[in-house]
Amino acid sequence: MSDLNRGIMKFKGADSPKAIAFSAVLVLGSIALLVWWALQSAYIGS
């Protein structure tokens, strides 16, 4: 068992490259969306 299979993601294949890539895209996409929304709210809305 690798170290990546011990935390929150306790399912078989949690440390596969496909699952890691999907998680990274999800997290980075969410951050980008929040930054975009914050900029829109701060500069366009006022």
PDB file of N, CA and C in Angstrom:
ATOM      1  N   MET A   1       0.854  -1.188   0.000  1.00  0.00           N
ATOM      2  CA  MET A   1       0.000   0.000   0.000  1.00  0.00           C
ATOM      3  C   MET A   1       0.889   1.237   0.000  1.00  0.00           C
ATOM      4  N   SER A   2       0.603   2.142  -0.921  1.00  0.00           N
ATOM      5  CA  SER A   2       1.401   3.364  -0.960  1.00  0.00           C
ATOM      6  C   SER A   2       0.857   4.379   0.040  1.00  0.00           C
ATOM      7  N   ASP A   3       1.639   5.406   0.289  1.00  0.00           N
ATOM      8  CA  ASP A   3       1.233   6.433   1.244  1.00  0.00           C
ATOM      9  C   ASP A   3       0.003   7.208   0.774  1.00  0.00           C
ATOM     10  N   LEU A   4      -0.187   7.284  -0.554  1.00  0.00           N
ATOM     11  CA  LEU A   4      -1.320   8.039  -1.073  1.00  0.00           C
ATOM     12  C   LEU A   4      -2.648   7.329  -0.840  1.00  0.00           C
ATOM     13  N   ASN A   5      -2.604   6.072  -0.459  1.00  0.00           N
ATOM     14  CA  ASN A   5      -3.819   5.283  -0.287  1.00  0.00           C
ATOM     15  C   ASN A   5      -4.232   5.210   1.179  1.00  0.00           C
ATOM     16  N   ARG A   6      -3.777   6.149   2.000  1.00  0.00           N
ATOM     17  CA  ARG A   6      -4.038   6.075   3.442  1.00  0.00           C
ATOM     18  C   ARG A   6      -4.903   7.194   3.978  1.00  0.00           C
ATOM     19  N   GLY A   7      -4.971   8.305   3.307  1.00  0.00           N
ATOM     20  CA  GLY A   7      -5.678   9.456   3.856  1.00  0.00           C
ATOM     21  C   GLY A   7      -7.167   9.406   3.576  1.00  0.00           C
ATOM     22  N   ILE A   8      -7.667  10.495   3.011  1.00  0.00           N
ATOM     23  CA  ILE A   8      -9.093  10.610   2.719  1.00  0.00           C
ATOM     24  C   ILE A   8      -9.497   9.624   1.627  1.00  0.00           C
ATOM     25  N   MET A   9      -8.647   9.476   0.622  1.00  0.00           N
ATOM     26  CA  MET A   9      -9.013   8.655  -0.539  1.00  0.00           C
ATOM     27  C   MET A   9      -8.679   7.189  -0.278  1.00  0.00           C
ATOM     28  N   LYS A  10      -9.483   6.540   0.528  1.00  0.00           N
ATOM     29  CA  LYS A  10      -9.233   5.149   0.895  1.00  0.00           C
ATOM     30  C   LYS A  10     -10.007   4.212  -0.012  1.00  0.00           C
ATOM     31  N   PHE A  11      -9.712   4.241  -1.285  1.00  0.00           N
ATOM     32  CA  PHE A  11     -10.332   3.287  -2.195  1.00  0.00           C
ATOM     33  C   PHE A  11      -9.274   2.744  -3.138  1.00  0.00           C
ATOM     34  N   LYS A  12      -9.562   1.613  -3.699  1.00  0.00           N
ATOM     35  CA  LYS A  12      -8.596   0.960  -4.583  1.00  0.00           C
ATOM     36  C   LYS A  12      -8.364   1.825  -5.817  1.00  0.00           C
ATOM     37  N   GLY A  13      -7.133   2.086  -6.137  1.00  0.00           N
ATOM     38  CA  GLY A  13      -6.795   2.908  -7.290  1.00  0.00           C
ATOM     39  C   GLY A  13      -6.714   4.396  -6.983  1.00  0.00           C
ATOM     40  N   ALA A  14      -6.749   4.757  -5.711  1.00  0.00           N
ATOM     41  CA  ALA A  14      -6.688   6.177  -5.351  1.00  0.00           C
ATOM     42  C   ALA A  14      -5.344   6.791  -5.714  1.00  0.00           C
ATOM     43  N   ASP A  15      -4.314   5.972  -5.796  1.00  0.00           N
ATOM     44  CA  ASP A  15      -2.987   6.500  -6.122  1.00  0.00           C
ATOM     45  C   ASP A  15      -2.627   6.269  -7.586  1.00  0.00           C
ATOM     46  N   SER A  16      -3.616   5.971  -8.422  1.00  0.00           N
ATOM     47  CA  SER A  16      -3.337   5.803  -9.843  1.00  0.00           C
ATOM     48  C   SER A  16      -3.131   7.178 -10.481  1.00  0.00           C
ATOM     49  N   PRO A  17      -2.328   7.250 -11.510  1.00  0.00           N
ATOM     50  CA  PRO A  17      -2.082   8.554 -12.165  1.00  0.00           C
ATOM     51  C   PRO A  17      -3.365   9.203 -12.670  1.00  0.00           C
ATOM     52  N   LYS A  18      -4.322   8.389 -13.119  1.00  0.00           N
ATOM     53  CA  LYS A  18      -5.579   8.946 -13.619  1.00  0.00           C
ATOM     54  C   LYS A  18      -6.360   9.641 -12.500  1.00  0.00           C
ATOM     55  N   ALA A  19      -6.428   9.022 -11.326  1.00  0.00           N
ATOM     56  CA  ALA A  19      -7.146   9.615 -10.193  1.00  0.00           C
ATOM     57  C   ALA A  19      -6.434  10.867  -9.697  1.00  0.00           C
ATOM     58  N   ILE A  20      -5.106  10.836  -9.677  1.00  0.00           N
ATOM     59  CA  ILE A  20      -4.343  12.004  -9.233  1.00  0.00           C
ATOM     60  C   ILE A  20      -4.529  13.162 -10.208  1.00  0.00           C
ATOM     61  N   ALA A  21      -4.502  12.871 -11.504  1.00  0.00           N
ATOM     62  CA  ALA A  21      -4.694  13.917 -12.507  1.00  0.00           C
ATOM     63  C   ALA A  21      -6.092  14.510 -12.413  1.00  0.00           C
ATOM     64  N   PHE A  22      -7.092  13.671 -12.222  1.00  0.00           N
ATOM     65  CA  PHE A  22      -8.468  14.158 -12.098  1.00  0.00           C
ATOM     66  C   PHE A  22      -8.613  15.065 -10.876  1.00  0.00           C
ATOM     67  N   SER A  23      -8.039  14.651  -9.757  1.00  0.00           N
ATOM     68  CA  SER A  23      -8.105  15.455  -8.539  1.00  0.00           C
ATOM     69  C   SER A  23      -7.394  16.793  -8.733  1.00  0.00           C
ATOM     70  N   ALA A  24      -6.239  16.762  -9.389  1.00  0.00           N
ATOM     71  CA  ALA A  24      -5.485  17.998  -9.608  1.00  0.00           C
ATOM     72  C   ALA A  24      -6.273  18.960 -10.490  1.00  0.00           C
ATOM     73  N   VAL A  25      -6.881  18.442 -11.555  1.00  0.00           N
ATOM     74  CA  VAL A  25      -7.678  19.294 -12.446  1.00  0.00           C
ATOM     75  C   VAL A  25      -8.876  19.874 -11.698  1.00  0.00           C
ATOM     76  N   LEU A  26      -9.504  19.060 -10.876  1.00  0.00           N
ATOM     77  CA  LEU A  26     -10.661  19.520 -10.104  1.00  0.00           C
ATOM     78  C   LEU A  26     -10.272  20.635  -9.129  1.00  0.00           C
ATOM     79  N   VAL A  27      -9.188  20.435  -8.402  1.00  0.00           N
ATOM     80  CA  VAL A  27      -8.753  21.431  -7.417  1.00  0.00           C
ATOM     81  C   VAL A  27      -8.287  22.709  -8.104  1.00  0.00           C
ATOM     82  N   LEU A  28      -7.443  22.588  -9.114  1.00  0.00           N
ATOM     83  CA  LEU A  28      -6.923  23.773  -9.793  1.00  0.00           C
ATOM     84  C   LEU A  28      -8.018  24.514 -10.547  1.00  0.00           C
ATOM     85  N   GLY A  29      -8.955  23.773 -11.120  1.00  0.00           N
ATOM     86  CA  GLY A  29     -10.087  24.397 -11.795  1.00  0.00           C
ATOM     87  C   GLY A  29     -10.957  25.169 -10.821  1.00  0.00           C
ATOM     88  N   SER A  30     -11.173  24.606  -9.653  1.00  0.00           N
ATOM     89  CA  SER A  30     -11.971  25.292  -8.634  1.00  0.00           C
ATOM     90  C   SER A  30     -11.288  26.576  -8.181  1.00  0.00           C
ATOM     91  N   ILE A  31      -9.983  26.511  -7.979  1.00  0.00           N
ATOM     92  CA  ILE A  31      -9.235  27.705  -7.570  1.00  0.00           C
ATOM     93  C   ILE A  31      -9.303  28.771  -8.662  1.00  0.00           C
ATOM     94  N   ALA A  32      -9.119  28.360  -9.911  1.00  0.00           N
ATOM     95  CA  ALA A  32      -9.181  29.312 -11.019  1.00  0.00           C
ATOM     96  C   ALA A  32     -10.565  29.945 -11.117  1.00  0.00           C
ATOM     97  N   LEU A  33     -11.601  29.151 -10.912  1.00  0.00           N
ATOM     98  CA  LEU A  33     -12.963  29.681 -10.959  1.00  0.00           C
ATOM     99  C   LEU A  33     -13.201  30.695  -9.838  1.00  0.00           C
ATOM    100  N   LEU A  34     -12.708  30.403  -8.652  1.00  0.00           N
ATOM    101  CA  LEU A  34     -12.862  31.339  -7.538  1.00  0.00           C
ATOM    102  C   LEU A  34     -12.106  32.642  -7.777  1.00  0.00           C
ATOM    103  N   VAL A  35     -10.901  32.552  -8.331  1.00  0.00           N
ATOM    104  CA  VAL A  35     -10.128  33.759  -8.624  1.00  0.00           C
ATOM    105  C   VAL A  35     -10.846  34.585  -9.685  1.00  0.00           C
ATOM    106  N   TRP A  36     -11.337  33.917 -10.730  1.00  0.00           N
ATOM    107  CA  TRP A  36     -12.064  34.621 -11.788  1.00  0.00           C
ATOM    108  C   TRP A  36     -13.307  35.307 -11.231  1.00  0.00           C
ATOM    109  N   TRP A  37     -14.060  34.596 -10.389  1.00  0.00           N
ATOM    110  CA  TRP A  37     -15.272  35.153  -9.792  1.00  0.00           C
ATOM    111  C   TRP A  37     -14.936  36.346  -8.890  1.00  0.00           C
ATOM    112  N   ALA A  38     -13.860  36.234  -8.129  1.00  0.00           N
ATOM    113  CA  ALA A  38     -13.460  37.335  -7.243  1.00  0.00           C
ATOM    114  C   ALA A  38     -13.081  38.572  -8.051  1.00  0.00           C
ATOM    115  N   LEU A  39     -12.356  38.384  -9.136  1.00  0.00           N
ATOM    116  CA  LEU A  39     -11.972  39.527  -9.971  1.00  0.00           C
ATOM    117  C   LEU A  39     -13.192  40.157 -10.627  1.00  0.00           C
ATOM    118  N   GLN A  40     -14.120  39.321 -11.095  1.00  0.00           N
ATOM    119  CA  GLN A  40     -15.344  39.841 -11.686  1.00  0.00           C
ATOM    120  C   GLN A  40     -16.139  40.644 -10.662  1.00  0.00           C
ATOM    121  N   SER A  41     -16.236  40.130  -9.458  1.00  0.00           N
ATOM    122  CA  SER A  41     -17.013  40.780  -8.409  1.00  0.00           C
ATOM    123  C   SER A  41     -16.356  42.091  -7.985  1.00  0.00           C
ATOM    124  N   ALA A  42     -15.052  42.108  -7.927  1.00  0.00           N
ATOM    125  CA  ALA A  42     -14.344  43.279  -7.418  1.00  0.00           C
ATOM    126  C   ALA A  42     -14.302  44.421  -8.430  1.00  0.00           C
ATOM    127  N   TYR A  43     -14.101  44.104  -9.703  1.00  0.00           N
ATOM    128  CA  TYR A  43     -13.840  45.169 -10.663  1.00  0.00           C
ATOM    129  C   TYR A  43     -14.998  45.452 -11.606  1.00  0.00           C
ATOM    130  N   ILE A  44     -15.730  44.459 -12.010  1.00  0.00           N
ATOM    131  CA  ILE A  44     -16.817  44.685 -12.957  1.00  0.00           C
ATOM    132  C   ILE A  44     -18.078  45.131 -12.223  1.00  0.00           C
ATOM    133  N   GLY A  45     -18.286  44.556 -11.029  1.00  0.00           N
ATOM    134  CA  GLY A  45     -19.525  44.828 -10.295  1.00  0.00           C
ATOM    135  C   GLY A  45     -19.587  46.218  -9.693  1.00  0.00           C
ATOM    136  N   SER A  46     -18.428  46.840  -9.458  1.00  0.00           N
ATOM    137  CA  SER A  46     -18.465  48.131  -8.767  1.00  0.00           C
ATOM    138  C   SER A  46     -18.324  49.301  -9.719  1.00  0.00           C
TER     139      SER A  46
END
